[in-house]
PDB file of N, CA and C in Angstrom:
ATOM      1  N   MET A   1       0.748  -1.118   0.218  1.00  0.00           N
ATOM      2  CA  MET A   1       0.059   0.016  -0.221  1.00  0.00           C
ATOM      3  C   MET A   1       1.008   1.295  -0.019  1.00  0.00           C
ATOM      4  N   THR A   2       0.367   2.096  -0.758  1.00  0.00           N
ATOM      5  CA  THR A   2       1.482   3.524  -1.000  1.00  0.00           C
ATOM      6  C   THR A   2       0.885   4.259   0.174  1.00  0.00           C
ATOM      7  N   THR A   3       1.861   5.200   0.694  1.00  0.00           N
ATOM      8  CA  THR A   3       1.502   6.338   1.618  1.00  0.00           C
ATOM      9  C   THR A   3       0.118   7.123   0.851  1.00  0.00           C
ATOM     10  N   GLU A   4       0.043   7.201  -0.121  1.00  0.00           N
ATOM     11  CA  GLU A   4      -1.245   8.109  -0.779  1.00  0.00           C
ATOM     12  C   GLU A   4      -2.348   6.927  -0.124  1.00  0.00           C
ATOM     13  N   GLU A   5      -2.443   5.818  -0.852  1.00  0.00           N
ATOM     14  CA  GLU A   5      -3.301   5.301  -0.426  1.00  0.00           C
ATOM     15  C   GLU A   5      -3.953   5.143   1.194  1.00  0.00           C
ATOM     16  N   LEU A   6      -3.155   5.103   2.182  1.00  0.00           N
ATOM     17  CA  LEU A   6      -2.990   4.741   3.351  1.00  0.00           C
ATOM     18  C   LEU A   6      -3.550   6.200   3.901  1.00  0.00           C
ATOM     19  N   THR A   7      -2.774   7.295   3.139  1.00  0.00           N
ATOM     20  CA  THR A   7      -3.566   8.654   3.938  1.00  0.00           C
ATOM     21  C   THR A   7      -4.848   8.886   3.255  1.00  0.00           C
ATOM     22  N   ASN A   8      -5.538   7.949   2.090  1.00  0.00           N
ATOM     23  CA  ASN A   8      -6.666   8.206   1.578  1.00  0.00           C
ATOM     24  C   ASN A   8      -7.486   7.352   2.840  1.00  0.00           C
ATOM     25  N   ASP A   9      -7.093   6.269   2.898  1.00  0.00           N
ATOM     26  CA  ASP A   9      -7.995   5.352   3.898  1.00  0.00           C
ATOM     27  C   ASP A   9      -8.271   5.869   5.381  1.00  0.00           C
ATOM     28  N   VAL A  10      -7.140   6.527   5.729  1.00  0.00           N
ATOM     29  CA  VAL A  10      -7.573   7.346   6.868  1.00  0.00           C
ATOM     30  C   VAL A  10      -8.163   8.549   6.774  1.00  0.00           C
ATOM     31  N   LEU A  11      -8.121   9.036   5.848  1.00  0.00           N
ATOM     32  CA  LEU A  11      -9.174  10.239   5.871  1.00  0.00           C
ATOM     33  C   LEU A  11     -10.690   9.768   5.415  1.00  0.00           C
ATOM     34  N   LYS A  12     -10.709   8.900   4.621  1.00  0.00           N
ATOM     35  CA  LYS A  12     -11.995   7.756   4.639  1.00  0.00           C
ATOM     36  C   LYS A  12     -12.666   8.026   6.182  1.00  0.00           C
ATOM     37  N   ALA A  13     -11.833   7.466   7.239  1.00  0.00           N
ATOM     38  CA  ALA A  13     -12.297   6.932   8.075  1.00  0.00           C
ATOM     39  C   ALA A  13     -12.764   8.003   9.014  1.00  0.00           C
ATOM     40  N   LEU A  14     -11.904   9.476   8.881  1.00  0.00           N
ATOM     41  CA  LEU A  14     -12.511  10.198   9.783  1.00  0.00           C
ATOM     42  C   LEU A  14     -13.475  10.990   8.801  1.00  0.00           C
ATOM     43  N   ASP A  15     -14.010  11.061   7.838  1.00  0.00           N
ATOM     44  CA  ASP A  15     -14.947  11.322   7.084  1.00  0.00           C
ATOM     45  C   ASP A  15     -16.284  10.817   7.914  1.00  0.00           C
ATOM     46  N   GLU A  16     -15.988   9.261   8.591  1.00  0.00           N
ATOM     47  CA  GLU A  16     -16.860   8.464   8.958  1.00  0.00           C
ATOM     48  C   GLU A  16     -17.209   8.889  10.155  1.00  0.00           C
ATOM     49  N   ILE A  17     -16.529   9.270  10.809  1.00  0.00           N
ATOM     50  CA  ILE A  17     -16.630   9.913  12.456  1.00  0.00           C
ATOM     51  C   ILE A  17     -16.860  11.269  12.524  1.00  0.00           C
ATOM     52  N   ARG A  18     -16.382  12.157  11.594  1.00  0.00           N
ATOM     53  CA  ARG A  18     -16.583  13.589  11.789  1.00  0.00           C
ATOM     54  C   ARG A  18     -18.145  13.795  12.157  1.00  0.00           C
ATOM     55  N   PRO A  19     -19.420  13.284  11.309  1.00  0.00           N
ATOM     56  CA  PRO A  19     -20.585  13.688  11.778  1.00  0.00           C
ATOM     57  C   PRO A  19     -20.890  13.586  13.123  1.00  0.00           C
ATOM     58  N   PHE A  20     -20.384  12.625  13.829  1.00  0.00           N
ATOM     59  CA  PHE A  20     -20.788  12.146  15.558  1.00  0.00           C
ATOM     60  C   PHE A  20     -20.215  13.779  15.919  1.00  0.00           C
ATOM     61  N   LEU A  21     -18.771  13.635  15.518  1.00  0.00           N
ATOM     62  CA  LEU A  21     -18.241  14.916  16.136  1.00  0.00           C
ATOM     63  C   LEU A  21     -18.712  16.436  15.794  1.00  0.00           C
ATOM     64  N   ASN A  22     -19.284  16.783  14.895  1.00  0.00           N
ATOM     65  CA  ASN A  22     -19.695  17.629  14.658  1.00  0.00           C
ATOM     66  C   ASN A  22     -21.284  17.923  15.212  1.00  0.00           C
ATOM     67  N   HIS A  23     -21.765  16.834  15.475  1.00  0.00           N
ATOM     68  CA  HIS A  23     -23.204  16.903  16.006  1.00  0.00           C
ATOM     69  C   HIS A  23     -23.146  17.266  17.697  1.00  0.00           C
ATOM     70  N   ASP A  24     -21.800  17.083  18.200  1.00  0.00           N
ATOM     71  CA  ASP A  24     -21.271  17.768  19.681  1.00  0.00           C
ATOM     72  C   ASP A  24     -20.638  19.062  19.363  1.00  0.00           C
ATOM     73  N   GLY A  25     -20.611  19.644  18.290  1.00  0.00           N
ATOM     74  CA  GLY A  25     -19.957  20.664  18.450  1.00  0.00           C
ATOM     75  C   GLY A  25     -18.328  20.686  17.985  1.00  0.00           C
ATOM     76  N   GLY A  26     -17.882  19.637  17.539  1.00  0.00           N
ATOM     77  CA  GLY A  26     -16.483  19.136  17.631  1.00  0.00           C
ATOM     78  C   GLY A  26     -16.102  18.708  16.001  1.00  0.00           C
ATOM     79  N   ASP A  27     -14.801  18.393  15.806  1.00  0.00           N
ATOM     80  CA  ASP A  27     -14.271  18.285  14.722  1.00  0.00           C
ATOM     81  C   ASP A  27     -12.945  17.393  14.833  1.00  0.00           C
ATOM     82  N   ILE A  28     -12.160  17.035  13.857  1.00  0.00           N
ATOM     83  CA  ILE A  28     -11.138  16.210  13.884  1.00  0.00           C
ATOM     84  C   ILE A  28     -10.362  16.614  12.511  1.00  0.00           C
ATOM     85  N   SER A  29      -9.211  16.322  12.536  1.00  0.00           N
ATOM     86  CA  SER A  29      -7.971  16.963  11.657  1.00  0.00           C
ATOM     87  C   SER A  29      -7.130  15.946  11.734  1.00  0.00           C
ATOM     88  N   LEU A  30      -6.459  15.339  10.332  1.00  0.00           N
ATOM     89  CA  LEU A  30      -5.089  14.312  10.313  1.00  0.00           C
ATOM     90  C   LEU A  30      -4.339  15.508  10.400  1.00  0.00           C
ATOM     91  N   VAL A  31      -3.101  15.007  11.486  1.00  0.00           N
ATOM     92  CA  VAL A  31      -1.847  15.840  11.582  1.00  0.00           C
ATOM     93  C   VAL A  31      -0.883  15.090  10.702  1.00  0.00           C
ATOM     94  N   SER A  32      -0.727  13.686  11.151  1.00  0.00           N
ATOM     95  CA  SER A  32       0.434  13.123  10.285  1.00  0.00           C
ATOM     96  C   SER A  32       0.288  11.545  10.704  1.00  0.00           C
ATOM     97  N   ILE A  33       0.938  10.562   9.495  1.00  0.00           N
ATOM     98  CA  ILE A  33       0.719   9.492   9.768  1.00  0.00           C
ATOM     99  C   ILE A  33       2.328   9.081   9.869  1.00  0.00           C
ATOM    100  N   GLU A  34       2.703   8.595  10.897  1.00  0.00           N
ATOM    101  CA  GLU A  34       4.439   8.153  11.195  1.00  0.00           C
ATOM    102  C   GLU A  34       4.526   6.540  10.532  1.00  0.00           C
ATOM    103  N   ASP A  35       5.382   6.233   9.810  1.00  0.00           N
ATOM    104  CA  ASP A  35       5.939   4.899   9.843  1.00  0.00           C
ATOM    105  C   ASP A  35       4.848   4.122   9.269  1.00  0.00           C
ATOM    106  N   GLY A  36       3.683   4.472   8.664  1.00  0.00           N
ATOM    107  CA  GLY A  36       2.529   3.562   8.493  1.00  0.00           C
ATOM    108  C   GLY A  36       1.864   3.070   9.333  1.00  0.00           C
ATOM    109  N   LYS A  37       2.173   3.432  10.717  1.00  0.00           N
ATOM    110  CA  LYS A  37       1.703   2.598  11.846  1.00  0.00           C
ATOM    111  C   LYS A  37       0.870   3.273  12.774  1.00  0.00           C
ATOM    112  N   HIS A  38       1.358   4.532  12.994  1.00  0.00           N
ATOM    113  CA  HIS A  38       0.815   5.888  13.917  1.00  0.00           C
ATOM    114  C   HIS A  38       0.340   6.702  13.362  1.00  0.00           C
ATOM    115  N   VAL A  39      -1.034   7.267  14.027  1.00  0.00           N
ATOM    116  CA  VAL A  39      -2.100   7.915  13.334  1.00  0.00           C
ATOM    117  C   VAL A  39      -1.949   9.622  14.347  1.00  0.00           C
ATOM    118  N   THR A  40      -1.573  10.837  14.080  1.00  0.00           N
ATOM    119  CA  THR A  40      -1.557  11.786  14.903  1.00  0.00           C
ATOM    120  C   THR A  40      -2.751  12.623  14.364  1.00  0.00           C
ATOM    121  N   VAL A  41      -3.942  13.192  15.445  1.00  0.00           N
ATOM    122  CA  VAL A  41      -5.154  13.925  14.668  1.00  0.00           C
ATOM    123  C   VAL A  41      -5.096  14.528  15.704  1.00  0.00           C
ATOM    124  N   ARG A  42      -6.108  15.770  15.262  1.00  0.00           N
ATOM    125  CA  ARG A  42      -6.289  17.063  15.995  1.00  0.00           C
ATOM    126  C   ARG A  42      -7.985  16.777  16.488  1.00  0.00           C
ATOM    127  N   LEU A  43      -8.408  16.563  17.624  1.00  0.00           N
ATOM    128  CA  LEU A  43      -9.436  17.227  17.990  1.00  0.00           C
ATOM    129  C   LEU A  43      -9.661  18.893  18.007  1.00  0.00           C
ATOM    130  N   GLU A  44     -10.782  18.965  17.559  1.00  0.00           N
ATOM    131  CA  GLU A  44     -10.939  20.680  17.515  1.00  0.00           C
ATOM    132  C   GLU A  44     -12.816  21.018  17.958  1.00  0.00           C
ATOM    133  N   GLY A  45     -12.594  21.902  18.155  1.00  0.00           N
ATOM    134  CA  GLY A  45     -14.194  22.576  18.711  1.00  0.00           C
ATOM    135  C   GLY A  45     -13.987  22.304  20.086  1.00  0.00           C
ATOM    136  N   ALA A  46     -15.349  21.804  20.505  1.00  0.00           N
ATOM    137  CA  ALA A  46     -16.100  21.411  21.558  1.00  0.00           C
ATOM    138  C   ALA A  46     -15.127  19.970  21.804  1.00  0.00           C
ATOM    139  N   CYS A  47     -14.706  19.217  21.202  1.00  0.00           N
ATOM    140  CA  CYS A  47     -13.758  18.161  21.420  1.00  0.00           C
ATOM    141  C   CYS A  47     -12.575  18.530  22.413  1.00  0.00           C
ATOM    142  N   THR A  48     -11.873  19.585  22.248  1.00  0.00           N
ATOM    143  CA  THR A  48     -10.542  19.804  22.590  1.00  0.00           C
ATOM    144  C   THR A  48     -10.573  19.742  24.450  1.00  0.00           C
ATOM    145  N   ASN A  49     -12.083  20.388  24.821  1.00  0.00           N
ATOM    146  CA  ASN A  49     -12.380  20.366  26.287  1.00  0.00           C
ATOM    147  C   ASN A  49     -12.867  19.627  26.729  1.00  0.00           C
ATOM    148  N   CYS A  50     -13.852  18.402  25.889  1.00  0.00           N
ATOM    149  CA  CYS A  50     -14.628  17.678  26.216  1.00  0.00           C
ATOM    150  C   CYS A  50     -13.681  16.549  27.420  1.00  0.00           C
ATOM    151  N   SER A  51     -14.317  16.150  28.558  1.00  0.00           N
ATOM    152  CA  SER A  51     -13.836  15.337  29.723  1.00  0.00           C
ATOM    153  C   SER A  51     -14.208  13.954  28.900  1.00  0.00           C
ATOM    154  N   VAL A  52     -14.599  13.437  27.857  1.00  0.00           N
ATOM    155  CA  VAL A  52     -14.586  12.308  27.578  1.00  0.00           C
ATOM    156  C   VAL A  52     -13.682  12.122  25.930  1.00  0.00           C
ATOM    157  N   ASN A  53     -12.934  12.853  25.733  1.00  0.00           N
ATOM    158  CA  ASN A  53     -12.611  13.062  24.313  1.00  0.00           C
ATOM    159  C   ASN A  53     -11.211  11.914  24.155  1.00  0.00           C
ATOM    160  N   GLN A  54     -10.977  11.707  25.673  1.00  0.00           N
ATOM    161  CA  GLN A  54      -9.649  10.087  25.230  1.00  0.00           C
ATOM    162  C   GLN A  54     -10.432   8.939  25.011  1.00  0.00           C
ATOM    163  N   MET A  55     -11.666   8.672  25.443  1.00  0.00           N
ATOM    164  CA  MET A  55     -12.599   7.463  25.147  1.00  0.00           C
ATOM    165  C   MET A  55     -12.978   7.669  23.575  1.00  0.00           C
ATOM    166  N   THR A  56     -13.524   8.689  23.366  1.00  0.00           N
ATOM    167  CA  THR A  56     -13.888   9.027  22.108  1.00  0.00           C
ATOM    168  C   THR A  56     -12.737   8.952  21.253  1.00  0.00           C
ATOM    169  N   LEU A  57     -11.473   9.137  21.375  1.00  0.00           N
ATOM    170  CA  LEU A  57     -10.407   8.908  20.556  1.00  0.00           C
ATOM    171  C   LEU A  57      -9.856   7.560  20.337  1.00  0.00           C
ATOM    172  N   LYS A  58      -9.986   6.724  21.485  1.00  0.00           N
ATOM    173  CA  LYS A  58     -10.269   5.266  21.520  1.00  0.00           C
ATOM    174  C   LYS A  58     -11.067   4.201  20.829  1.00  0.00           C
ATOM    175  N   ALA A  59     -12.277   4.675  21.590  1.00  0.00           N
ATOM    176  CA  ALA A  59     -13.428   3.772  21.329  1.00  0.00           C
ATOM    177  C   ALA A  59     -13.925   4.148  19.860  1.00  0.00           C
ATOM    178  N   GLY A  60     -13.883   5.552  19.560  1.00  0.00           N
ATOM    179  CA  GLY A  60     -14.721   6.143  17.743  1.00  0.00           C
ATOM    180  C   GLY A  60     -13.617   6.228  16.880  1.00  0.00           C
ATOM    181  N   VAL A  61     -12.539   7.084  17.078  1.00  0.00           N
ATOM    182  CA  VAL A  61     -11.341   7.582  16.338  1.00  0.00           C
ATOM    183  C   VAL A  61     -10.717   6.270  15.894  1.00  0.00           C
ATOM    184  N   GLU A  62     -10.012   5.869  17.167  1.00  0.00           N
ATOM    185  CA  GLU A  62      -9.249   4.899  16.923  1.00  0.00           C
ATOM    186  C   GLU A  62      -9.975   3.367  15.808  1.00  0.00           C
ATOM    187  N   THR A  63     -10.806   3.104  16.493  1.00  0.00           N
ATOM    188  CA  THR A  63     -11.734   1.889  15.973  1.00  0.00           C
ATOM    189  C   THR A  63     -11.874   1.807  14.347  1.00  0.00           C
ATOM    190  N   THR A  64     -12.442   3.336  14.284  1.00  0.00           N
ATOM    191  CA  THR A  64     -12.884   3.236  13.034  1.00  0.00           C
ATOM    192  C   THR A  64     -11.526   3.323  12.153  1.00  0.00           C
ATOM    193  N   VAL A  65     -10.393   3.930  12.426  1.00  0.00           N
ATOM    194  CA  VAL A  65      -8.991   4.250  11.571  1.00  0.00           C
ATOM    195  C   VAL A  65      -9.065   2.684  11.330  1.00  0.00           C
ATOM    196  N   LYS A  66      -8.877   2.266  12.222  1.00  0.00           N
ATOM    197  CA  LYS A  66      -8.053   0.556  12.381  1.00  0.00           C
ATOM    198  C   LYS A  66      -9.235  -0.132  11.379  1.00  0.00           C
ATOM    199  N   LYS A  67     -10.741   0.071  11.076  1.00  0.00           N
ATOM    200  CA  LYS A  67     -11.319  -0.388  10.037  1.00  0.00           C
ATOM    201  C   LYS A  67     -10.952  -0.165   8.745  1.00  0.00           C
ATOM    202  N   PHE A  68     -10.455   1.224   8.476  1.00  0.00           N
ATOM    203  CA  PHE A  68     -10.095   1.357   7.050  1.00  0.00           C
ATOM    204  C   PHE A  68      -8.928   1.342   6.807  1.00  0.00           C
ATOM    205  N   ALA A  69      -7.887   1.344   8.011  1.00  0.00           N
ATOM    206  CA  ALA A  69      -6.548   0.931   7.725  1.00  0.00           C
ATOM    207  C   ALA A  69      -5.917  -0.115   8.940  1.00  0.00           C
ATOM    208  N   PRO A  70      -6.290  -1.262   8.758  1.00  0.00           N
ATOM    209  CA  PRO A  70      -5.707  -2.189   9.639  1.00  0.00           C
ATOM    210  C   PRO A  70      -4.267  -2.157  10.257  1.00  0.00           C
ATOM    211  N   GLN A  71      -3.633  -2.036   9.457  1.00  0.00           N
ATOM    212  CA  GLN A  71      -2.277  -1.996   9.850  1.00  0.00           C
ATOM    213  C   GLN A  71      -1.749  -0.680  10.603  1.00  0.00           C
ATOM    214  N   ILE A  72      -2.689   0.225  11.150  1.00  0.00           N
ATOM    215  CA  ILE A  72      -2.652   1.211  12.318  1.00  0.00           C
ATOM    216  C   ILE A  72      -2.593   0.893  13.302  1.00  0.00           C
ATOM    217  N   GLU A  73      -1.222   0.751  13.886  1.00  0.00           N
ATOM    218  CA  GLU A  73      -1.319   0.504  15.758  1.00  0.00           C
ATOM    219  C   GLU A  73      -1.850   1.508  16.541  1.00  0.00           C
ATOM    220  N   THR A  74      -1.566   2.846  16.188  1.00  0.00           N
ATOM    221  CA  THR A  74      -2.213   3.795  17.353  1.00  0.00           C
ATOM    222  C   THR A  74      -2.390   4.782  16.825  1.00  0.00           C
ATOM    223  N   VAL A  75      -3.777   5.643  17.638  1.00  0.00           N
ATOM    224  CA  VAL A  75      -4.001   7.007  16.800  1.00  0.00           C
ATOM    225  C   VAL A  75      -3.646   7.875  18.404  1.00  0.00           C
ATOM    226  N   VAL A  76      -3.416   8.983  18.092  1.00  0.00           N
ATOM    227  CA  VAL A  76      -2.992   9.837  19.185  1.00  0.00           C
ATOM    228  C   VAL A  76      -3.886  10.967  18.752  1.00  0.00           C
ATOM    229  N   ASN A  77      -3.977  12.061  20.244  1.00  0.00           N
ATOM    230  CA  ASN A  77      -4.498  13.634  19.688  1.00  0.00           C
ATOM    231  C   ASN A  77      -3.126  14.139  20.101  1.00  0.00           C
ATOM    232  N   VAL A  78      -2.757  15.452  18.983  1.00  0.00           N
ATOM    233  CA  VAL A  78      -2.195  16.339  19.596  1.00  0.00           C
ATOM    234  C   VAL A  78      -2.929  17.493  20.311  1.00  0.00           C
ATOM    235  N   GLU A  79      -2.788  18.218  20.985  1.00  0.00           N
ATOM    236  CA  GLU A  79      -3.086  19.385  21.760  1.00  0.00           C
ATOM    237  C   GLU A  79      -2.376  20.447  21.352  1.00  0.00           C
TER     238      GLU A  79
END
């Protein structure tokens, strides 16, 4: 898989979860993909101060990203 294909898969995953974040006044953007295994995202809007953002990140974002790109091992949020 090329870097471009991986990036597209991760962006598709973020597009899938974005409506749920938007509903709560938040958003998400892709910051980087390191070594084809580690994704860094930025939770935005209401998500930055949300008390459950780490749960959202692991349960929602990471699960969705891994569904689209199974080779991804971690998803972290940069603040």
